[in-house]
N, C-alpha and C. Protein backbone atom coordinates (compact mmCIF):
# COMPACT_ATOMS: atom_id res chain seq x y z
N MET A 1 0.84 -1.18 0.00
CA MET A 1 0.00 0.00 0.00
C MET A 1 0.89 1.24 0.00
N TYR A 2 0.41 2.26 -0.71
CA TYR A 2 1.19 3.49 -0.84
C TYR A 2 0.22 4.67 -0.91
N ASN A 3 0.56 5.73 -0.18
CA ASN A 3 -0.18 6.98 -0.34
C ASN A 3 0.74 8.14 -0.04
N ARG A 4 0.39 9.30 -0.59
CA ARG A 4 1.24 10.46 -0.41
C ARG A 4 0.39 11.70 -0.16
N GLY A 5 1.06 12.78 0.21
CA GLY A 5 0.36 14.01 0.53
C GLY A 5 -0.28 14.64 -0.69
N VAL A 6 -1.37 15.35 -0.46
CA VAL A 6 -2.03 16.05 -1.56
C VAL A 6 -1.05 17.05 -2.17
N ALA A 7 -1.06 17.12 -3.49
CA ALA A 7 -0.17 18.03 -4.23
C ALA A 7 1.30 17.82 -3.87
N LEU A 8 1.62 16.58 -3.48
CA LEU A 8 2.99 16.20 -3.12
C LEU A 8 3.53 16.98 -1.92
N GLN A 9 2.63 17.52 -1.11
CA GLN A 9 3.05 18.29 0.06
C GLN A 9 3.54 17.35 1.16
N PRO A 10 4.48 17.82 2.00
CA PRO A 10 4.93 16.99 3.13
C PRO A 10 3.77 16.64 4.06
N VAL A 11 3.77 15.43 4.56
CA VAL A 11 2.75 15.00 5.51
C VAL A 11 3.34 14.79 6.91
N PHE A 12 4.68 14.78 6.98
CA PHE A 12 5.37 14.68 8.27
C PHE A 12 6.34 15.85 8.37
N LEU A 13 6.06 16.76 9.30
CA LEU A 13 6.86 17.97 9.41
C LEU A 13 7.91 17.88 10.51
N ASN A 14 7.71 16.95 11.45
CA ASN A 14 8.66 16.80 12.56
C ASN A 14 8.48 15.42 13.18
N LYS A 15 9.27 15.13 14.20
CA LYS A 15 9.24 13.81 14.84
C LYS A 15 7.88 13.51 15.46
N ARG A 16 7.24 14.53 15.97
CA ARG A 16 5.92 14.33 16.57
C ARG A 16 4.94 13.78 15.54
N ASP A 17 5.00 14.27 14.32
CA ASP A 17 4.11 13.78 13.25
C ASP A 17 4.39 12.31 12.94
N TYR A 18 5.66 11.97 12.80
CA TYR A 18 6.02 10.58 12.53
C TYR A 18 5.52 9.66 13.65
N ARG A 19 5.74 10.09 14.89
CA ARG A 19 5.31 9.26 16.03
C ARG A 19 3.80 9.09 16.05
N GLN A 20 3.08 10.13 15.68
CA GLN A 20 1.62 10.04 15.64
C GLN A 20 1.16 8.96 14.67
N LEU A 21 1.73 8.93 13.47
CA LEU A 21 1.29 7.92 12.51
C LEU A 21 1.68 6.53 12.98
N LEU A 22 2.84 6.38 13.60
CA LEU A 22 3.20 5.07 14.15
C LEU A 22 2.19 4.62 15.19
N PHE A 23 1.75 5.54 16.03
CA PHE A 23 0.74 5.20 17.03
C PHE A 23 -0.57 4.83 16.35
N ASP A 24 -0.95 5.55 15.31
CA ASP A 24 -2.16 5.21 14.56
C ASP A 24 -2.07 3.80 13.99
N LEU A 25 -0.92 3.47 13.40
CA LEU A 25 -0.74 2.14 12.82
C LEU A 25 -0.87 1.06 13.88
N SER A 26 -0.22 1.29 15.01
CA SER A 26 -0.23 0.31 16.09
C SER A 26 -1.63 0.13 16.69
N TYR A 27 -2.32 1.23 16.93
CA TYR A 27 -3.61 1.20 17.63
C TYR A 27 -4.73 0.68 16.74
N TYR A 28 -4.79 1.15 15.52
CA TYR A 28 -5.93 0.82 14.66
C TYR A 28 -5.78 -0.49 13.91
N ARG A 29 -4.69 -1.22 14.14
CA ARG A 29 -4.61 -2.55 13.53
C ARG A 29 -5.55 -3.54 14.20
N PHE A 30 -6.00 -3.20 15.40
CA PHE A 30 -6.93 -4.06 16.13
C PHE A 30 -8.36 -3.87 15.61
N THR A 31 -9.12 -4.93 15.69
CA THR A 31 -10.48 -4.92 15.13
C THR A 31 -11.39 -3.92 15.84
N LYS A 32 -11.34 -3.90 17.18
CA LYS A 32 -12.29 -3.08 17.93
C LYS A 32 -11.57 -2.25 18.99
N PRO A 33 -10.89 -1.18 18.59
CA PRO A 33 -10.33 -0.28 19.60
C PRO A 33 -11.46 0.27 20.48
N PRO A 34 -11.28 0.31 21.79
CA PRO A 34 -12.38 0.71 22.68
C PRO A 34 -12.81 2.16 22.53
N VAL A 35 -11.87 3.03 22.19
CA VAL A 35 -12.16 4.46 21.99
C VAL A 35 -11.30 4.97 20.84
N LYS A 36 -11.64 6.14 20.32
CA LYS A 36 -10.78 6.75 19.31
C LYS A 36 -9.43 7.09 19.93
N LEU A 37 -8.42 7.13 19.10
CA LEU A 37 -7.07 7.37 19.61
C LEU A 37 -6.97 8.72 20.31
N SER A 38 -7.65 9.72 19.80
CA SER A 38 -7.60 11.04 20.44
C SER A 38 -8.13 10.97 21.87
N LYS A 39 -9.17 10.17 22.11
CA LYS A 39 -9.71 9.99 23.46
C LYS A 39 -8.78 9.11 24.29
N PHE A 40 -8.22 8.10 23.66
CA PHE A 40 -7.30 7.19 24.35
C PHE A 40 -6.14 7.97 24.96
N LYS A 41 -5.61 8.95 24.24
CA LYS A 41 -4.46 9.71 24.71
C LYS A 41 -4.79 10.60 25.90
N GLU A 42 -6.09 10.83 26.13
CA GLU A 42 -6.51 11.66 27.27
C GLU A 42 -6.66 10.84 28.55
N LEU A 43 -6.62 9.52 28.44
CA LEU A 43 -6.79 8.66 29.61
C LEU A 43 -5.54 8.66 30.47
N SER A 44 -5.69 8.20 31.70
CA SER A 44 -4.53 8.08 32.58
C SER A 44 -3.61 6.98 32.07
N LEU A 45 -2.38 6.98 32.53
CA LEU A 45 -1.42 5.97 32.10
C LEU A 45 -1.92 4.57 32.43
N ASP A 46 -2.45 4.38 33.62
CA ASP A 46 -2.95 3.06 34.01
C ASP A 46 -4.08 2.60 33.10
N GLN A 47 -4.97 3.52 32.76
CA GLN A 47 -6.09 3.17 31.87
C GLN A 47 -5.58 2.80 30.48
N ARG A 48 -4.61 3.56 29.97
CA ARG A 48 -4.06 3.25 28.65
C ARG A 48 -3.37 1.89 28.64
N LEU A 49 -2.59 1.63 29.66
CA LEU A 49 -1.88 0.35 29.73
C LEU A 49 -2.86 -0.81 29.82
N TYR A 50 -3.94 -0.62 30.57
CA TYR A 50 -4.93 -1.69 30.69
C TYR A 50 -5.61 -1.96 29.35
N LEU A 51 -6.04 -0.91 28.67
CA LEU A 51 -6.73 -1.09 27.39
C LEU A 51 -5.81 -1.73 26.36
N LEU A 52 -4.55 -1.32 26.34
CA LEU A 52 -3.60 -1.93 25.40
C LEU A 52 -3.37 -3.40 25.71
N SER A 53 -3.27 -3.71 26.99
CA SER A 53 -3.06 -5.12 27.36
C SER A 53 -4.26 -5.97 26.96
N GLU A 54 -5.46 -5.41 27.06
CA GLU A 54 -6.66 -6.14 26.66
C GLU A 54 -6.70 -6.35 25.15
N LEU A 55 -6.33 -5.34 24.40
CA LEU A 55 -6.29 -5.48 22.94
C LEU A 55 -5.29 -6.56 22.54
N LYS A 56 -4.13 -6.55 23.17
CA LYS A 56 -3.11 -7.54 22.83
C LYS A 56 -3.52 -8.94 23.29
N ARG A 57 -4.19 -9.01 24.42
CA ARG A 57 -4.64 -10.32 24.93
C ARG A 57 -5.67 -10.94 23.99
N LYS A 58 -6.63 -10.16 23.55
CA LYS A 58 -7.65 -10.66 22.64
C LYS A 58 -7.07 -10.96 21.26
N ASP A 59 -6.10 -10.16 20.85
CA ASP A 59 -5.36 -10.37 19.59
C ASP A 59 -6.30 -10.51 18.39
N GLU A 60 -7.29 -9.63 18.33
CA GLU A 60 -8.21 -9.61 17.19
C GLU A 60 -7.82 -8.45 16.29
N LYS A 61 -7.28 -8.77 15.13
CA LYS A 61 -6.69 -7.74 14.29
C LYS A 61 -7.40 -7.63 12.94
N LEU A 62 -7.41 -6.39 12.43
CA LEU A 62 -7.83 -6.16 11.04
C LEU A 62 -6.73 -6.58 10.09
N VAL A 63 -5.49 -6.26 10.48
CA VAL A 63 -4.33 -6.52 9.62
C VAL A 63 -3.12 -6.89 10.47
N GLU A 64 -2.18 -7.56 9.84
CA GLU A 64 -0.82 -7.69 10.36
C GLU A 64 0.05 -6.70 9.58
N ILE A 65 0.86 -5.95 10.29
CA ILE A 65 1.78 -5.01 9.64
C ILE A 65 3.12 -5.71 9.48
N ILE A 66 3.49 -5.98 8.25
CA ILE A 66 4.71 -6.74 7.97
C ILE A 66 5.90 -5.80 7.75
N SER A 67 5.69 -4.72 7.04
CA SER A 67 6.75 -3.73 6.81
C SER A 67 6.11 -2.36 6.62
N PHE A 68 6.88 -1.32 6.95
CA PHE A 68 6.42 0.04 6.66
C PHE A 68 7.62 0.96 6.48
N ALA A 69 7.39 2.06 5.80
CA ALA A 69 8.38 3.14 5.70
C ALA A 69 7.63 4.45 5.61
N LEU A 70 8.00 5.38 6.47
CA LEU A 70 7.41 6.72 6.45
C LEU A 70 8.43 7.68 5.86
N MET A 71 8.01 8.40 4.83
CA MET A 71 8.86 9.36 4.14
C MET A 71 8.25 10.75 4.31
N PRO A 72 9.02 11.81 4.05
CA PRO A 72 8.47 13.15 4.30
C PRO A 72 7.12 13.43 3.66
N ASN A 73 6.89 12.94 2.43
CA ASN A 73 5.60 13.25 1.78
C ASN A 73 4.80 12.02 1.37
N HIS A 74 5.17 10.84 1.87
CA HIS A 74 4.40 9.63 1.56
C HIS A 74 4.76 8.50 2.52
N PHE A 75 4.02 7.41 2.42
CA PHE A 75 4.38 6.23 3.20
C PHE A 75 4.04 4.96 2.44
N HIS A 76 4.74 3.89 2.82
CA HIS A 76 4.53 2.56 2.25
C HIS A 76 4.16 1.60 3.38
N LEU A 77 3.23 0.69 3.10
CA LEU A 77 2.84 -0.34 4.05
C LEU A 77 2.76 -1.69 3.35
N LEU A 78 3.28 -2.72 4.00
CA LEU A 78 3.10 -4.09 3.55
C LEU A 78 2.22 -4.77 4.58
N LEU A 79 1.01 -5.13 4.19
CA LEU A 79 -0.01 -5.59 5.12
C LEU A 79 -0.52 -6.98 4.76
N LYS A 80 -0.91 -7.72 5.80
CA LYS A 80 -1.63 -8.98 5.61
C LYS A 80 -3.03 -8.80 6.19
N GLN A 81 -4.04 -8.98 5.38
CA GLN A 81 -5.41 -8.81 5.84
C GLN A 81 -5.83 -10.00 6.70
N CYS A 82 -6.43 -9.71 7.85
CA CYS A 82 -6.84 -10.76 8.79
C CYS A 82 -8.34 -11.03 8.76
N VAL A 83 -9.13 -10.05 8.37
CA VAL A 83 -10.58 -10.20 8.29
C VAL A 83 -11.06 -9.55 7.00
N ASN A 84 -12.28 -9.88 6.60
CA ASN A 84 -12.85 -9.29 5.39
C ASN A 84 -12.89 -7.76 5.49
N LYS A 85 -12.40 -7.09 4.46
CA LYS A 85 -12.33 -5.63 4.40
C LYS A 85 -11.43 -5.03 5.49
N GLY A 86 -10.54 -5.87 6.02
CA GLY A 86 -9.65 -5.40 7.09
C GLY A 86 -8.73 -4.28 6.65
N ILE A 87 -8.16 -4.39 5.46
CA ILE A 87 -7.22 -3.38 5.00
C ILE A 87 -7.92 -2.04 4.78
N SER A 88 -9.06 -2.06 4.11
CA SER A 88 -9.75 -0.79 3.84
C SER A 88 -10.21 -0.12 5.13
N THR A 89 -10.69 -0.91 6.09
CA THR A 89 -11.12 -0.35 7.37
C THR A 89 -9.93 0.24 8.12
N PHE A 90 -8.85 -0.50 8.15
CA PHE A 90 -7.63 -0.05 8.82
C PHE A 90 -7.11 1.25 8.23
N LEU A 91 -7.00 1.31 6.91
CA LEU A 91 -6.47 2.51 6.26
C LEU A 91 -7.37 3.71 6.47
N SER A 92 -8.67 3.49 6.45
CA SER A 92 -9.61 4.58 6.69
C SER A 92 -9.43 5.15 8.10
N ARG A 93 -9.33 4.26 9.09
CA ARG A 93 -9.16 4.72 10.47
C ARG A 93 -7.84 5.46 10.65
N VAL A 94 -6.78 4.91 10.09
CA VAL A 94 -5.45 5.51 10.25
C VAL A 94 -5.39 6.90 9.61
N THR A 95 -5.84 7.00 8.36
CA THR A 95 -5.72 8.28 7.67
C THR A 95 -6.68 9.33 8.25
N ASN A 96 -7.85 8.91 8.67
CA ASN A 96 -8.78 9.86 9.30
C ASN A 96 -8.21 10.39 10.61
N SER A 97 -7.65 9.48 11.41
CA SER A 97 -7.08 9.89 12.69
C SER A 97 -5.90 10.83 12.48
N TYR A 98 -5.01 10.47 11.55
CA TYR A 98 -3.84 11.32 11.34
C TYR A 98 -4.23 12.67 10.74
N THR A 99 -5.19 12.68 9.84
CA THR A 99 -5.64 13.94 9.24
C THR A 99 -6.20 14.87 10.30
N LYS A 100 -7.00 14.33 11.20
CA LYS A 100 -7.55 15.16 12.28
C LYS A 100 -6.42 15.73 13.14
N PHE A 101 -5.46 14.88 13.50
CA PHE A 101 -4.31 15.33 14.29
C PHE A 101 -3.53 16.42 13.57
N PHE A 102 -3.20 16.18 12.31
CA PHE A 102 -2.36 17.09 11.52
C PHE A 102 -3.07 18.43 11.31
N ASN A 103 -4.34 18.39 10.98
CA ASN A 103 -5.09 19.62 10.74
C ASN A 103 -5.26 20.44 12.01
N THR A 104 -5.53 19.77 13.12
CA THR A 104 -5.67 20.49 14.39
C THR A 104 -4.36 21.14 14.79
N LYS A 105 -3.28 20.40 14.68
CA LYS A 105 -1.97 20.91 15.08
C LYS A 105 -1.53 22.09 14.21
N ASN A 106 -1.85 22.02 12.93
CA ASN A 106 -1.37 23.04 11.99
C ASN A 106 -2.43 24.06 11.58
N GLU A 107 -3.58 24.02 12.25
CA GLU A 107 -4.67 24.97 12.01
C GLU A 107 -5.01 25.04 10.52
N ARG A 108 -5.28 23.88 9.96
CA ARG A 108 -5.65 23.81 8.55
C ARG A 108 -6.89 22.94 8.41
N VAL A 109 -7.46 22.92 7.21
CA VAL A 109 -8.62 22.08 6.91
C VAL A 109 -8.35 21.34 5.61
N GLY A 110 -9.14 20.30 5.37
CA GLY A 110 -9.03 19.58 4.11
C GLY A 110 -8.21 18.32 4.24
N PRO A 111 -8.15 17.55 3.15
CA PRO A 111 -7.43 16.28 3.17
C PRO A 111 -5.93 16.49 3.30
N VAL A 112 -5.27 15.51 3.91
CA VAL A 112 -3.81 15.50 4.01
C VAL A 112 -3.22 14.57 2.96
N PHE A 113 -3.91 13.43 2.76
CA PHE A 113 -3.44 12.43 1.81
C PHE A 113 -4.29 12.44 0.54
N GLN A 114 -3.71 11.95 -0.54
CA GLN A 114 -4.48 11.76 -1.77
C GLN A 114 -5.58 10.74 -1.51
N GLY A 115 -6.66 10.86 -2.25
CA GLY A 115 -7.86 10.09 -1.95
C GLY A 115 -7.73 8.59 -2.10
N VAL A 116 -7.01 8.13 -3.11
CA VAL A 116 -6.98 6.70 -3.41
C VAL A 116 -5.59 6.13 -3.12
N PHE A 117 -5.57 5.05 -2.34
CA PHE A 117 -4.32 4.34 -2.10
C PHE A 117 -3.93 3.54 -3.33
N LYS A 118 -2.64 3.49 -3.60
CA LYS A 118 -2.14 2.57 -4.62
C LYS A 118 -1.79 1.26 -3.93
N SER A 119 -2.16 0.15 -4.54
CA SER A 119 -1.91 -1.14 -3.90
C SER A 119 -1.53 -2.20 -4.91
N VAL A 120 -0.79 -3.19 -4.44
CA VAL A 120 -0.40 -4.35 -5.23
C VAL A 120 -0.66 -5.59 -4.39
N HIS A 121 -1.31 -6.58 -4.98
CA HIS A 121 -1.56 -7.83 -4.27
C HIS A 121 -0.31 -8.71 -4.33
N ILE A 122 0.13 -9.18 -3.18
CA ILE A 122 1.31 -10.05 -3.10
C ILE A 122 0.86 -11.49 -3.28
N SER A 123 1.37 -12.15 -4.30
CA SER A 123 0.90 -13.51 -4.61
C SER A 123 1.96 -14.58 -4.45
N THR A 124 3.23 -14.21 -4.30
CA THR A 124 4.29 -15.21 -4.15
C THR A 124 5.24 -14.80 -3.03
N THR A 125 5.96 -15.78 -2.50
CA THR A 125 6.96 -15.50 -1.46
C THR A 125 8.06 -14.60 -2.00
N GLU A 126 8.48 -14.85 -3.22
CA GLU A 126 9.53 -14.03 -3.82
C GLU A 126 9.09 -12.57 -3.90
N GLN A 127 7.86 -12.36 -4.31
CA GLN A 127 7.33 -10.99 -4.38
C GLN A 127 7.30 -10.36 -2.98
N LEU A 128 6.92 -11.15 -1.99
CA LEU A 128 6.84 -10.66 -0.61
C LEU A 128 8.19 -10.13 -0.13
N ILE A 129 9.24 -10.92 -0.29
CA ILE A 129 10.53 -10.50 0.25
C ILE A 129 11.11 -9.33 -0.54
N HIS A 130 10.84 -9.28 -1.84
CA HIS A 130 11.35 -8.17 -2.64
C HIS A 130 10.60 -6.87 -2.33
N VAL A 131 9.30 -6.96 -2.08
CA VAL A 131 8.54 -5.76 -1.71
C VAL A 131 8.99 -5.26 -0.35
N SER A 132 9.24 -6.18 0.58
CA SER A 132 9.72 -5.75 1.90
C SER A 132 11.06 -5.02 1.76
N ARG A 133 11.93 -5.54 0.91
CA ARG A 133 13.22 -4.86 0.70
C ARG A 133 13.01 -3.49 0.06
N TYR A 134 12.17 -3.43 -0.95
CA TYR A 134 11.90 -2.14 -1.60
C TYR A 134 11.43 -1.10 -0.58
N ILE A 135 10.53 -1.51 0.30
CA ILE A 135 10.02 -0.58 1.32
C ILE A 135 11.13 -0.14 2.26
N HIS A 136 11.93 -1.10 2.71
CA HIS A 136 12.94 -0.78 3.72
C HIS A 136 14.09 0.07 3.18
N ILE A 137 14.43 -0.07 1.91
CA ILE A 137 15.54 0.74 1.39
C ILE A 137 15.06 2.07 0.81
N ASN A 138 13.76 2.29 0.79
CA ASN A 138 13.22 3.50 0.18
C ASN A 138 13.83 4.80 0.72
N PRO A 139 14.00 4.94 2.05
CA PRO A 139 14.59 6.19 2.54
C PRO A 139 16.02 6.41 2.07
N THR A 140 16.75 5.32 1.82
CA THR A 140 18.13 5.46 1.37
C THR A 140 18.22 5.72 -0.12
N VAL A 141 17.50 4.96 -0.92
CA VAL A 141 17.59 5.16 -2.37
C VAL A 141 16.96 6.48 -2.79
N SER A 142 16.09 7.02 -1.94
CA SER A 142 15.49 8.34 -2.22
C SER A 142 16.31 9.48 -1.63
N PHE A 143 17.46 9.13 -1.03
CA PHE A 143 18.41 10.12 -0.51
C PHE A 143 17.87 10.91 0.67
N VAL A 144 16.94 10.31 1.42
CA VAL A 144 16.48 10.93 2.67
C VAL A 144 17.51 10.70 3.77
N ILE A 145 18.10 9.51 3.79
CA ILE A 145 19.16 9.17 4.74
C ILE A 145 20.29 8.49 3.98
N ASN A 146 21.44 8.35 4.63
CA ASN A 146 22.54 7.65 3.98
C ASN A 146 22.53 6.16 4.36
N ARG A 147 23.35 5.41 3.71
CA ARG A 147 23.39 3.95 3.88
C ARG A 147 23.65 3.56 5.34
N GLU A 148 24.53 4.30 6.01
CA GLU A 148 24.90 3.96 7.38
C GLU A 148 23.75 4.14 8.36
N GLU A 149 22.78 4.96 8.02
CA GLU A 149 21.65 5.22 8.93
C GLU A 149 20.49 4.25 8.74
N LEU A 150 20.55 3.42 7.71
CA LEU A 150 19.39 2.63 7.30
C LEU A 150 18.84 1.76 8.42
N PHE A 151 19.71 1.07 9.15
CA PHE A 151 19.25 0.10 10.13
C PHE A 151 18.89 0.72 11.48
N SER A 152 19.10 2.01 11.61
CA SER A 152 18.69 2.70 12.83
C SER A 152 17.63 3.77 12.57
N TYR A 153 17.27 3.97 11.31
CA TYR A 153 16.26 4.97 10.96
C TYR A 153 14.94 4.59 11.61
N PRO A 154 14.39 5.43 12.49
CA PRO A 154 13.24 5.02 13.31
C PRO A 154 11.90 4.99 12.60
N TRP A 155 11.84 5.49 11.35
CA TRP A 155 10.54 5.61 10.69
C TRP A 155 10.31 4.53 9.64
N THR A 156 11.05 3.43 9.74
CA THR A 156 10.73 2.22 8.98
C THR A 156 10.68 1.06 9.97
N SER A 157 10.18 -0.06 9.49
CA SER A 157 10.12 -1.26 10.33
C SER A 157 11.42 -2.04 10.34
N LEU A 158 12.43 -1.60 9.61
CA LEU A 158 13.67 -2.37 9.53
C LEU A 158 14.31 -2.60 10.90
N PRO A 159 14.42 -1.60 11.78
CA PRO A 159 14.97 -1.89 13.11
C PRO A 159 14.18 -2.95 13.87
N ASN A 160 12.87 -3.02 13.63
CA ASN A 160 12.03 -4.03 14.30
C ASN A 160 12.38 -5.45 13.86
N TYR A 161 12.97 -5.59 12.70
CA TYR A 161 13.35 -6.91 12.21
C TYR A 161 14.55 -7.47 12.96
N PHE A 162 15.30 -6.62 13.65
CA PHE A 162 16.53 -7.05 14.30
C PHE A 162 16.50 -6.86 15.81
N HIS A 163 15.52 -6.12 16.31
CA HIS A 163 15.47 -5.86 17.75
C HIS A 163 14.05 -6.17 18.25
N ASN A 164 13.38 -5.19 18.78
CA ASN A 164 12.03 -5.40 19.30
C ASN A 164 11.00 -5.28 18.18
N PRO A 165 10.25 -6.37 17.88
CA PRO A 165 9.27 -6.29 16.78
C PRO A 165 8.15 -5.29 17.02
N ASP A 166 7.80 -5.06 18.32
CA ASP A 166 6.73 -4.13 18.67
C ASP A 166 5.45 -4.52 17.94
N PHE A 167 4.87 -3.61 17.15
CA PHE A 167 3.60 -3.93 16.47
C PHE A 167 3.81 -4.50 15.07
N VAL A 168 5.05 -4.75 14.70
CA VAL A 168 5.37 -5.30 13.38
C VAL A 168 5.50 -6.81 13.49
N ASN A 169 5.06 -7.51 12.45
CA ASN A 169 5.24 -8.97 12.39
C ASN A 169 6.22 -9.29 11.26
N PRO A 170 7.51 -9.45 11.57
CA PRO A 170 8.50 -9.72 10.53
C PRO A 170 8.58 -11.18 10.11
N VAL A 171 7.87 -12.06 10.80
CA VAL A 171 8.01 -13.51 10.57
C VAL A 171 7.75 -13.91 9.12
N PRO A 172 6.69 -13.42 8.46
CA PRO A 172 6.45 -13.84 7.07
C PRO A 172 7.63 -13.57 6.14
N VAL A 173 8.42 -12.56 6.46
CA VAL A 173 9.60 -12.26 5.64
C VAL A 173 10.83 -13.00 6.15
N LEU A 174 11.12 -12.87 7.45
CA LEU A 174 12.35 -13.45 7.99
C LEU A 174 12.36 -14.97 7.95
N SER A 175 11.20 -15.59 7.93
CA SER A 175 11.15 -17.06 7.88
C SER A 175 11.71 -17.61 6.57
N ASN A 176 11.91 -16.75 5.59
CA ASN A 176 12.48 -17.17 4.31
C ASN A 176 14.00 -17.03 4.27
N PHE A 177 14.59 -16.63 5.39
CA PHE A 177 16.04 -16.46 5.48
C PHE A 177 16.58 -17.30 6.63
N SER A 178 17.80 -17.75 6.51
CA SER A 178 18.37 -18.61 7.55
C SER A 178 18.65 -17.84 8.83
N SER A 179 18.80 -16.52 8.72
CA SER A 179 19.04 -15.69 9.90
C SER A 179 18.72 -14.24 9.55
N PRO A 180 18.50 -13.39 10.57
CA PRO A 180 18.30 -11.97 10.28
C PRO A 180 19.49 -11.34 9.54
N GLU A 181 20.68 -11.85 9.79
CA GLU A 181 21.86 -11.32 9.10
C GLU A 181 21.78 -11.57 7.60
N ASP A 182 21.20 -12.71 7.21
CA ASP A 182 21.03 -12.99 5.78
C ASP A 182 20.06 -12.00 5.15
N TYR A 183 19.03 -11.65 5.90
CA TYR A 183 18.10 -10.63 5.38
C TYR A 183 18.81 -9.29 5.26
N LYS A 184 19.66 -8.99 6.21
CA LYS A 184 20.43 -7.74 6.16
C LYS A 184 21.28 -7.69 4.89
N LYS A 185 21.94 -8.79 4.56
CA LYS A 185 22.73 -8.84 3.33
C LYS A 185 21.84 -8.65 2.10
N PHE A 186 20.67 -9.28 2.15
CA PHE A 186 19.69 -9.15 1.06
C PHE A 186 19.30 -7.69 0.86
N ILE A 187 19.12 -6.97 1.97
CA ILE A 187 18.78 -5.55 1.91
C ILE A 187 19.92 -4.74 1.29
N LEU A 188 21.11 -4.95 1.79
CA LEU A 188 22.26 -4.14 1.36
C LEU A 188 22.63 -4.37 -0.09
N ASP A 189 22.36 -5.56 -0.60
CA ASP A 189 22.71 -5.89 -1.98
C ASP A 189 22.03 -4.98 -3.00
N GLN A 190 20.90 -4.40 -2.63
CA GLN A 190 20.08 -3.67 -3.60
C GLN A 190 20.22 -2.16 -3.51
N ILE A 191 20.88 -1.66 -2.47
CA ILE A 191 20.86 -0.22 -2.24
C ILE A 191 21.52 0.57 -3.36
N ASP A 192 22.72 0.20 -3.75
CA ASP A 192 23.42 0.97 -4.78
C ASP A 192 22.67 0.94 -6.10
N TYR A 193 22.11 -0.22 -6.44
CA TYR A 193 21.33 -0.33 -7.67
C TYR A 193 20.10 0.58 -7.60
N GLY A 194 19.43 0.56 -6.44
CA GLY A 194 18.25 1.41 -6.28
C GLY A 194 18.58 2.89 -6.38
N LYS A 195 19.73 3.29 -5.83
CA LYS A 195 20.14 4.69 -5.94
C LYS A 195 20.39 5.09 -7.38
N ARG A 196 21.01 4.20 -8.13
CA ARG A 196 21.27 4.51 -9.54
C ARG A 196 19.97 4.70 -10.31
N LEU A 197 18.98 3.85 -10.01
CA LEU A 197 17.68 3.99 -10.67
C LEU A 197 17.05 5.34 -10.34
N GLU A 198 17.13 5.76 -9.08
CA GLU A 198 16.57 7.04 -8.68
C GLU A 198 17.27 8.19 -9.39
N GLU A 199 18.60 8.10 -9.50
CA GLU A 199 19.35 9.15 -10.19
C GLU A 199 18.94 9.25 -11.66
N ILE A 200 18.79 8.09 -12.29
CA ILE A 200 18.39 8.06 -13.70
C ILE A 200 16.99 8.66 -13.86
N LYS A 201 16.10 8.31 -12.93
CA LYS A 201 14.72 8.82 -12.99
C LYS A 201 14.71 10.35 -12.86
N HIS A 202 15.50 10.89 -11.94
CA HIS A 202 15.56 12.34 -11.76
C HIS A 202 16.13 13.02 -13.00
N LEU A 203 17.17 12.42 -13.58
CA LEU A 203 17.77 12.99 -14.78
C LEU A 203 16.78 13.01 -15.94
N ALA A 204 15.99 11.94 -16.03
CA ALA A 204 15.03 11.83 -17.13
C ALA A 204 13.91 12.86 -17.00
N LEU A 205 13.65 13.27 -15.76
CA LEU A 205 12.54 14.21 -15.52
C LEU A 205 12.99 15.66 -15.60
N GLU A 206 14.30 15.90 -15.62
CA GLU A 206 14.79 17.28 -15.65
C GLU A 206 14.70 17.88 -17.05
């Protein structure tokens, strides 16, 4: 899944914005959140911890989040649907919540994201692992960060593949590699090629 800001405008202006969308992704992946996220954030710490523990205990999800990357003016998601219409419901909740947050914070009105998500159905294991790699190297091949920052960049799921998975499920991808280090090599193999493609694309558009 892919979506970007209206008129190619930035949708993440600072770390607070990035963190908000991560919270939206984590919270709204569940089938029945007890309250809207804006109300959830107003609860006491004990209340929030209790509600989150109940959601995790019941483990009823709209989607599994396999990979993600947040970029200044767009984002990518690799999702596994868990229930009928799970992806469309999840995306609607996430974008509506983030739009309300962004507009309130910046005293603006109107849509933040383009209306229609672009999506591709994953039908093979090979396609799955290559799409995950494409998503994870996107910040580097797009020259948002350098190669050395890739595995610590906090706005993709790549660090979750090697440390704390948190709300990401890396198993569908990592189960196809003998170790996380092999996946790391798989990621690094494509970066220089991806950068060259981006450079060629920019040159062609100038």
